[in-house]
Protein backbone atom coordinates (compact mmCIF):
# COMPACT_ATOMS: atom_id res chain seq x y z
CA UNK A 1 1.27 19.67 26.92
CA UNK A 2 2.30 21.40 24.06
CA UNK A 3 0.22 21.41 20.40
CA UNK A 4 2.42 18.50 18.55
CA UNK A 5 1.50 16.28 21.58
CA UNK A 6 -2.20 17.05 21.44
CA UNK A 7 -1.76 16.42 17.52
CA UNK A 8 0.08 13.19 18.02
CA UNK A 9 -2.55 11.77 20.74
CA UNK A 10 -5.62 12.94 18.68
CA UNK A 11 -4.44 11.09 15.45
CA UNK A 12 -3.26 7.95 17.69
CA UNK A 13 -6.61 8.11 18.77
CA UNK A 14 -8.27 8.08 15.00
CA UNK A 15 -5.61 5.32 14.42
CA UNK A 16 -7.01 3.20 17.33
CA UNK A 17 -10.56 3.64 16.17
CA UNK A 18 -9.59 2.59 12.37
CA UNK A 19 -7.50 -0.69 13.71
CA UNK A 20 -10.79 -1.74 15.50
CA UNK A 21 -13.11 -1.41 12.68
CA UNK A 22 -10.67 -3.82 10.81
CA UNK A 23 -13.80 -6.49 9.35
CA UNK A 24 -13.91 -9.41 11.12
CA UNK A 25 -12.84 -11.45 8.40
CA UNK A 26 -9.72 -10.13 8.36
CA UNK A 27 -9.06 -10.79 12.04
CA UNK A 28 -7.38 -14.04 12.99
CA UNK A 29 -9.34 -16.54 15.26
CA UNK A 30 -8.68 -15.81 18.91
CA UNK A 31 -5.74 -17.87 20.52
CA UNK A 32 -5.82 -17.53 24.43
CA UNK A 33 -2.79 -19.80 24.50
CA UNK A 34 -0.43 -18.19 22.06
CA UNK A 35 2.79 -20.06 22.31
CA UNK A 36 6.40 -18.86 21.85
CA UNK A 37 7.76 -18.85 18.14
CA UNK A 38 10.55 -21.82 18.22
CA UNK A 39 14.01 -21.34 16.81
CA UNK A 40 14.00 -21.32 12.94
CA UNK A 41 14.78 -24.40 11.06
CA UNK A 42 18.51 -25.31 10.29
CA UNK A 43 18.96 -26.26 6.54
CA UNK A 44 21.96 -28.00 5.10
CA UNK A 45 21.51 -25.48 2.04
CA UNK A 46 24.17 -23.03 1.49
CA UNK A 47 21.60 -19.94 1.42
CA UNK A 48 17.98 -19.63 2.12
CA UNK A 49 15.02 -17.00 2.80
CA UNK A 50 11.50 -17.74 3.98
CA UNK A 51 9.21 -14.43 3.03
CA UNK A 52 5.72 -13.24 3.54
CA UNK A 53 4.47 -12.24 0.16
CA UNK A 54 2.27 -9.52 1.32
CA UNK A 55 3.84 -8.04 4.31
CA UNK A 56 7.76 -9.09 2.91
CA UNK A 57 8.67 -9.70 6.39
CA UNK A 58 11.53 -12.19 6.48
CA UNK A 59 10.69 -14.91 8.62
CA UNK A 60 13.88 -17.10 8.11
CA UNK A 61 17.41 -16.26 6.64
CA UNK A 62 20.65 -17.72 6.26
CA UNK A 63 23.53 -16.23 3.99
CA UNK A 64 20.40 -14.81 2.38
CA UNK A 65 22.58 -11.80 0.67
CA UNK A 66 25.30 -14.64 -0.55
CA UNK A 67 26.19 -14.20 -4.03
CA UNK A 68 25.73 -18.06 -5.51
CA UNK A 69 24.92 -19.14 -8.96
CA UNK A 70 21.47 -19.31 -9.82
CA UNK A 71 21.40 -22.18 -12.39
CA UNK A 72 17.92 -22.35 -14.04
CA UNK A 73 16.35 -20.26 -11.29
CA UNK A 74 17.78 -17.56 -13.58
CA UNK A 75 14.64 -18.52 -15.80
CA UNK A 76 12.25 -16.11 -13.47
CA UNK A 77 14.41 -13.19 -14.36
CA UNK A 78 13.77 -14.44 -18.10
CA UNK A 79 9.80 -14.86 -17.72
CA UNK A 80 9.47 -11.93 -15.67
CA UNK A 81 11.06 -9.75 -19.10
CA UNK A 82 8.98 -11.78 -21.16
CA UNK A 83 5.94 -11.21 -19.07
CA UNK A 84 6.92 -7.65 -19.26
CA UNK A 85 7.07 -7.44 -22.89
CA UNK A 86 3.32 -9.15 -23.28
CA UNK A 87 2.26 -6.73 -20.51
CA UNK A 88 3.52 -3.73 -22.62
CA UNK A 89 1.99 -4.79 -26.19
CA UNK A 90 5.35 -5.66 -27.39
CA UNK A 91 4.65 -9.41 -28.29
CA UNK A 92 1.80 -11.45 -28.37
CA UNK A 93 1.22 -15.08 -27.37
CA UNK A 94 0.20 -16.47 -30.35
CA UNK A 95 3.14 -15.13 -32.70
CA UNK A 96 5.75 -16.97 -33.91
CA UNK A 97 9.12 -16.87 -33.03
CA UNK A 98 11.87 -18.76 -35.66
CA UNK A 99 14.60 -21.01 -33.91
CA UNK A 100 17.97 -20.48 -34.57
CA UNK A 101 20.97 -22.92 -34.67
CA UNK A 102 22.28 -21.59 -31.83
CA UNK A 103 19.13 -21.54 -29.71
CA UNK A 104 18.99 -25.61 -31.02
CA UNK A 105 22.38 -26.27 -29.77
CA UNK A 106 22.28 -24.77 -26.49
CA UNK A 107 23.03 -27.34 -24.13
CA UNK A 108 21.33 -28.85 -20.67
CA UNK A 109 17.63 -29.06 -20.26
CA UNK A 110 15.46 -28.49 -23.56
CA UNK A 111 12.02 -28.73 -24.82
CA UNK A 112 13.30 -29.91 -28.36
CA UNK A 113 12.81 -27.41 -30.82
CA UNK A 114 14.50 -27.44 -34.11
CA UNK A 115 16.35 -25.14 -36.59
CA UNK A 116 14.05 -23.23 -38.62
CA UNK A 117 10.75 -24.05 -36.76
CA UNK A 118 8.15 -21.54 -36.08
CA UNK A 119 6.94 -21.53 -32.21
CA UNK A 120 4.49 -19.44 -30.83
CA UNK A 121 5.70 -17.41 -27.79
CA UNK A 122 3.44 -19.24 -25.45
CA UNK A 123 4.80 -22.89 -26.26
CA UNK A 124 8.15 -21.23 -25.91
CA UNK A 125 6.95 -19.92 -22.44
CA UNK A 126 5.67 -23.13 -21.48
CA UNK A 127 8.64 -24.77 -22.45
CA UNK A 128 10.81 -22.66 -20.37
CA UNK A 129 8.61 -22.76 -17.50
CA UNK A 130 7.58 -26.59 -17.08
CA UNK A 131 10.19 -27.90 -19.27
CA UNK A 132 13.30 -25.54 -17.96
CA UNK A 133 14.05 -25.56 -21.57
CA UNK A 134 17.43 -23.72 -22.23
CA UNK A 135 16.80 -23.90 -26.21
CA UNK A 136 13.23 -22.02 -25.70
CA UNK A 137 15.04 -19.39 -23.03
CA UNK A 138 17.28 -18.69 -26.30
CA UNK A 139 14.60 -18.59 -28.83
CA UNK A 140 12.70 -16.34 -26.60
CA UNK A 141 15.59 -14.16 -26.08
CA UNK A 142 16.41 -13.75 -29.57
CA UNK A 143 13.10 -12.84 -30.69
CA UNK A 144 12.68 -10.03 -28.26
CA UNK A 145 16.04 -8.60 -28.10
CA UNK A 146 17.64 -9.99 -31.34
CA UNK A 147 20.30 -11.53 -29.32
CA UNK A 148 20.53 -13.02 -25.82
CA UNK A 149 23.28 -10.81 -24.98
CA UNK A 150 21.15 -8.11 -25.72
CA UNK A 151 18.31 -9.59 -24.01
CA UNK A 152 20.45 -9.76 -20.86
CA UNK A 153 20.82 -6.40 -20.67
CA UNK A 154 17.14 -6.15 -20.14
CA UNK A 155 17.45 -8.62 -17.52
CA UNK A 156 19.97 -6.74 -15.83
CA UNK A 157 17.95 -3.41 -16.05
CA UNK A 158 14.65 -4.79 -14.63
CA UNK A 159 16.80 -6.50 -11.94
CA UNK A 160 18.03 -2.86 -11.15
CA UNK A 161 13.99 -1.59 -11.20
CA UNK A 162 13.34 -4.32 -8.86
CA UNK A 163 16.22 -3.60 -6.35
CA UNK A 164 17.76 -6.78 -7.02
CA UNK A 165 20.91 -5.73 -5.63
CA UNK A 166 22.83 -8.86 -5.39
CA UNK A 167 22.05 -10.21 -8.71
CA UNK A 168 23.96 -9.93 -12.39
CA UNK A 169 22.84 -11.90 -15.54
CA UNK A 170 24.82 -12.77 -18.40
CA UNK A 171 22.69 -15.32 -19.68
CA UNK A 172 18.94 -16.29 -20.12
CA UNK A 173 19.36 -19.83 -19.38
CA UNK A 174 21.38 -19.95 -15.80
CA UNK A 175 24.37 -21.95 -17.82
CA UNK A 176 27.69 -21.08 -15.60
CA UNK A 177 29.23 -17.95 -15.82
CA UNK A 178 31.49 -16.16 -13.31
CA UNK A 179 29.40 -12.94 -13.77
CA UNK A 180 26.10 -14.58 -13.46
CA UNK A 181 24.94 -14.64 -9.99
CA UNK A 182 22.02 -13.97 -7.51
CA UNK A 183 21.03 -14.02 -3.95
CA UNK A 184 18.29 -15.87 -2.00
CA UNK A 185 16.85 -12.68 -0.81
CA UNK A 186 16.80 -11.26 -4.93
CA UNK A 187 15.15 -14.61 -5.70
CA UNK A 188 12.23 -14.05 -3.16
CA UNK A 189 12.00 -10.80 -4.21
CA UNK A 190 11.67 -11.55 -7.86
CA UNK A 191 9.30 -14.10 -7.07
CA UNK A 192 7.09 -11.77 -5.48
CA UNK A 193 7.23 -9.22 -8.15
CA UNK A 194 5.97 -12.18 -10.76
CA UNK A 195 3.17 -13.10 -8.86
CA UNK A 196 2.18 -9.63 -8.13
CA UNK A 197 2.54 -8.28 -11.57
CA UNK A 198 1.65 -11.07 -13.49
CA UNK A 199 -1.24 -13.09 -11.82
CA UNK A 200 -2.48 -14.39 -15.27
CA UNK A 201 0.85 -15.65 -16.12
CA UNK A 202 2.11 -17.09 -12.89
CA UNK A 203 -0.56 -19.60 -13.11
CA UNK A 204 1.68 -21.36 -15.73
CA UNK A 205 4.49 -22.36 -12.67
CA UNK A 206 1.53 -24.66 -11.65
CA UNK A 207 1.38 -26.75 -14.47
CA UNK A 208 2.75 -30.51 -13.77
CA UNK A 209 3.57 -31.11 -17.41
CA UNK A 210 3.53 -30.17 -20.99
CA UNK A 211 4.12 -31.99 -24.38
CA UNK A 212 5.90 -30.18 -27.46
CA UNK A 213 7.18 -31.98 -30.40
CA UNK A 214 5.51 -35.16 -29.30
CA UNK A 215 7.85 -35.33 -26.10
CA UNK A 216 5.96 -35.03 -22.61
CA UNK A 217 8.24 -33.70 -19.83
CA UNK A 218 7.25 -33.21 -16.41
CA UNK A 219 7.79 -30.10 -13.89
CA UNK A 220 11.06 -30.30 -12.22
CA UNK A 221 9.49 -29.07 -9.07
CA UNK A 222 8.04 -32.26 -7.37
CA UNK A 223 6.57 -30.40 -4.20
CA UNK A 224 3.67 -29.60 -6.95
CA UNK A 225 2.53 -33.08 -6.52
CA UNK A 226 3.39 -33.54 -2.48
CA UNK A 227 1.77 -30.46 -1.42
CA UNK A 228 -1.47 -28.74 -2.80
CA UNK A 229 -0.60 -25.07 -1.27
CA UNK A 230 2.33 -24.84 -3.55
CA UNK A 231 2.01 -23.79 -7.06
CA UNK A 232 5.30 -22.32 -8.14
CA UNK A 233 8.03 -21.23 -8.80
CA UNK A 234 11.29 -22.89 -10.54
CA UNK A 235 13.80 -25.71 -9.58
CA UNK A 236 17.29 -25.35 -11.03
CA UNK A 237 21.03 -27.41 -10.97
CA UNK A 238 24.45 -27.43 -11.84
CA UNK A 239 27.33 -28.80 -10.27
CA UNK A 240 28.48 -25.51 -9.25
CA UNK A 241 25.58 -24.35 -8.08
CA UNK A 242 23.62 -27.50 -6.65
CA UNK A 243 20.33 -27.99 -5.94
CA UNK A 244 18.25 -24.85 -6.01
CA UNK A 245 14.49 -24.52 -5.65
CA UNK A 246 12.40 -21.24 -5.62
CA UNK A 247 8.91 -21.87 -4.21
CA UNK A 248 5.43 -20.40 -3.36
CA UNK A 249 2.87 -21.48 -1.21
CA UNK A 250 -0.90 -20.19 -0.20
CA UNK A 251 -2.74 -21.52 2.85
CA UNK A 252 -5.80 -19.79 4.19
CA UNK A 253 -5.06 -16.54 2.49
CA UNK A 254 -1.28 -16.30 3.72
CA UNK A 255 1.21 -16.75 0.60
CA UNK A 256 5.08 -17.84 1.55
CA UNK A 257 7.76 -17.50 -0.67
CA UNK A 258 11.08 -19.41 -0.09
CA UNK A 259 14.10 -19.57 -1.75
CA UNK A 260 16.52 -22.57 -1.05
CA UNK A 261 20.16 -22.34 -2.73
CA UNK A 262 23.03 -24.91 -2.98
CA UNK A 263 21.08 -28.11 -1.67
CA UNK A 264 22.72 -31.51 -2.04
CA UNK A 265 19.87 -33.32 -3.89
CA UNK A 266 17.11 -32.96 -5.42
CA UNK A 267 15.30 -34.93 -2.38
CA UNK A 268 16.85 -32.26 -0.05
CA UNK A 269 16.00 -28.98 -1.75
CA UNK A 270 12.35 -30.39 -1.98
CA UNK A 271 12.51 -31.26 1.87
CA UNK A 272 14.23 -28.45 3.02
CA UNK A 273 11.95 -26.20 1.28
CA UNK A 274 8.88 -27.88 2.77
CA UNK A 275 10.30 -27.81 6.18
CA UNK A 276 10.64 -23.69 5.71
CA UNK A 277 7.04 -23.21 4.50
CA UNK A 278 5.51 -25.61 7.40
CA UNK A 279 7.29 -23.81 9.80
CA UNK A 280 6.11 -20.44 8.58
CA UNK A 281 2.31 -21.52 8.12
CA UNK A 282 2.45 -23.63 11.45
CA UNK A 283 3.78 -20.26 13.63
CA UNK A 284 2.70 -17.03 11.87
CA UNK A 285 -0.30 -15.34 10.33
CA UNK A 286 -0.37 -12.85 7.90
CA UNK A 287 -3.48 -9.99 8.64
CA UNK A 288 -4.27 -6.78 6.69
CA UNK A 289 -4.62 -3.83 9.53
CA UNK A 290 -5.61 -1.16 6.71
CA UNK A 291 -6.80 -1.05 3.14
CA UNK A 292 -5.35 1.56 0.73
CA UNK A 293 -7.03 4.87 0.52
CA UNK A 294 -8.99 3.72 3.79
CA UNK A 295 -9.47 7.07 6.10
CA UNK A 296 -7.08 6.56 9.11
CA UNK A 297 -7.42 10.31 10.57
CA UNK A 298 -8.69 13.52 9.61
CA UNK A 299 -5.98 16.67 9.93
CA UNK A 300 -6.90 20.56 10.34
CA UNK A 301 -5.82 22.51 6.89
CA UNK A 302 -5.18 26.05 7.50
CA UNK A 303 -6.21 28.69 4.65
CA UNK A 304 -8.23 26.24 2.85
CA UNK A 305 -11.75 26.01 1.07
CA UNK A 306 -12.24 23.09 3.51
CA UNK A 307 -10.95 22.96 7.11
CA UNK A 308 -9.95 19.11 7.20
CA UNK A 309 -8.42 16.80 4.82
CA UNK A 310 -8.63 12.46 4.90
CA UNK A 311 -5.44 10.76 5.98
CA UNK A 312 -4.40 7.43 5.10
CA UNK A 313 -2.00 5.11 3.11
CA UNK A 314 -1.55 4.62 -0.50
CA UNK A 315 -0.94 0.46 -0.36
CA UNK A 316 -2.60 -1.61 1.88
CA UNK A 317 -0.45 -2.37 5.25
CA UNK A 318 -0.09 -6.10 5.94
CA UNK A 319 1.66 -7.57 9.27
CA UNK A 320 3.02 -10.95 9.64
CA UNK A 321 3.07 -11.99 13.50
CA UNK A 322 3.13 -14.99 15.47
CA UNK A 323 0.12 -16.48 15.72
CA UNK A 324 -2.10 -15.24 18.66
CA UNK A 325 -0.79 -12.12 18.83
CA UNK A 326 -3.14 -10.00 16.80
CA UNK A 327 -4.21 -7.85 20.10
CA UNK A 328 -0.76 -6.95 20.90
CA UNK A 329 -0.05 -4.94 18.07
CA UNK A 330 0.15 -1.24 18.85
CA UNK A 331 -0.21 1.83 15.92
CA UNK A 332 1.36 5.16 16.40
CA UNK A 333 0.92 8.16 14.08
CA UNK A 334 3.60 11.02 13.62
CA UNK A 335 2.72 13.99 11.49
CA UNK A 336 3.17 17.24 10.87
CA UNK A 337 1.88 20.02 13.35
CA UNK A 338 0.69 22.14 10.35
CA UNK A 339 -0.92 21.85 7.04
CA UNK A 340 -1.63 24.62 4.93
CA UNK A 341 -3.69 24.72 1.42
CA UNK A 342 -3.02 24.18 -1.26
CA UNK A 343 -2.76 20.72 -0.61
CA UNK A 344 -2.93 18.07 -3.25
CA UNK A 345 -3.94 14.39 -2.82
CA UNK A 346 -0.77 11.98 -2.11
CA UNK A 347 1.12 14.49 -0.23
CA UNK A 348 2.98 12.52 2.74
CA UNK A 349 2.31 14.31 6.02
CA UNK A 350 3.44 11.83 8.57
CA UNK A 351 3.94 8.45 8.95
CA UNK A 352 2.29 5.35 10.98
CA UNK A 353 4.14 2.60 12.63
CA UNK A 354 2.76 -0.56 13.90
CA UNK A 355 4.52 -2.46 16.55
CA UNK A 356 4.76 -5.87 18.28
CA UNK A 357 6.13 -5.04 21.81
CA UNK A 358 9.44 -3.67 21.40
CA UNK A 359 9.59 -4.83 17.99
CA UNK A 360 8.61 -2.39 15.14
CA UNK A 361 6.38 -4.50 12.66
CA UNK A 362 6.03 -1.90 9.76
CA UNK A 363 6.07 1.70 9.03
CA UNK A 364 4.43 3.61 6.19
CA UNK A 365 4.10 7.29 5.21
CA UNK A 366 0.67 8.79 6.00
CA UNK A 367 -0.89 10.50 3.20
CA UNK A 368 -3.34 12.98 2.25
CA UNK A 369 -6.37 11.03 0.28
CA UNK A 370 -7.97 14.39 -1.10
CA UNK A 371 -7.03 17.71 -2.22
CA UNK A 372 -7.54 21.06 -0.46
CA UNK A 373 -7.89 24.29 -2.64
CA UNK A 374 -6.51 27.45 -1.45
CA UNK A 375 -9.16 30.00 0.28
CA UNK A 376 -9.87 33.34 -0.82
CA UNK A 377 -8.04 36.46 0.26
CA UNK A 378 -10.31 36.93 3.42
CA UNK A 379 -10.01 33.16 4.47
CA UNK A 380 -6.43 33.35 3.94
CA UNK A 381 -5.95 36.52 6.11
CA UNK A 382 -8.47 35.10 8.73
CA UNK A 383 -5.81 31.86 9.14
CA UNK A 384 -2.77 33.76 9.32
CA UNK A 385 -4.64 35.76 12.32
CA UNK A 386 -5.66 32.73 13.77
CA UNK A 387 -2.42 31.10 13.51
CA UNK A 388 -0.66 34.28 14.91
CA UNK A 389 -3.22 34.19 17.81
CA UNK A 390 -2.13 30.70 18.48
CA UNK A 391 1.42 31.04 18.65
CA UNK A 392 0.86 34.12 21.13
CA UNK A 393 -0.60 32.27 23.49
CA UNK A 394 0.79 28.78 22.99
CA UNK A 395 2.20 26.91 26.13
CA UNK A 396 5.83 27.45 25.57
CA UNK A 397 6.96 24.48 27.94
């Protein structure tokens, strides 16, 4: 057995200990009668996808990368840009925006703002999210970027940063344009980004109604009334796009995201979304295996002031698995055979992989959790001698 095999075995043992120490509260309840997962439901929608929020595991997909018209689901990207502007301090919720004639004349669903009216950013956001107001979207776009065309450039910029590789935006509303498209996969990723980055603003997606200018309108996401687990996100409809719905639901700490594009009717998009979510919650569970910064192993460091460094993950590691299969998970570690100082914190020195049988569930970089300073002349010289001697008498098989 050579040195690399010894290191791998030793670190695998450390990982096994770390996994065994996951708090009981994070473990699923034992299920001695785990059943096979049935085939995913087949929907009538043109494309669709079901994804876990924490692990990003895709549970169901059909034509998920097909470029389709997003209709008003576009407003998810519009709201993402607005939320970024708020987070960066470029705008505030209580500042007012002037309503242009172009915003007022924008067709489709409206929140009924009027020319020259001064409307707070918060009211425009509520009108965009709850009432799906196209006029609100244009007013926000003009207030932030000067024109809707310039705002669309921001949408595409952030789309690239979010790796929405199948999307391109031409406007803030979702009104039809040949160069305006997205995919079910991109919508799920965008939904996850909104929830993760802006939890304080995401709460607006669960609001069922909003009144502006003495006109009360209801949220078009009818699932908010049917399932208390569902707390967002957005509907869309045009003749070309069909009926679309991006949804998010949370049950017992597990959050799922779905994107259903091109359903045949309003009722169909709701029932198809509910079918996807029920399937995911019924047959899968998501568990947190390791926390960010949790020590999973210790590795020897040559030529340093200290001889060891703790290893772990920069981000928490979640796994979405069939219910009752937690004990079947297996973690393995691979890492560099030798580490030498100076060594900074956050340096990738290997990886950890988690498998369920023959299926790879997750793979993450293993990083140093602390820094190791270089030893003095005599310390470095002594370790150099030890490394030379180690190599001289090493098993060459």
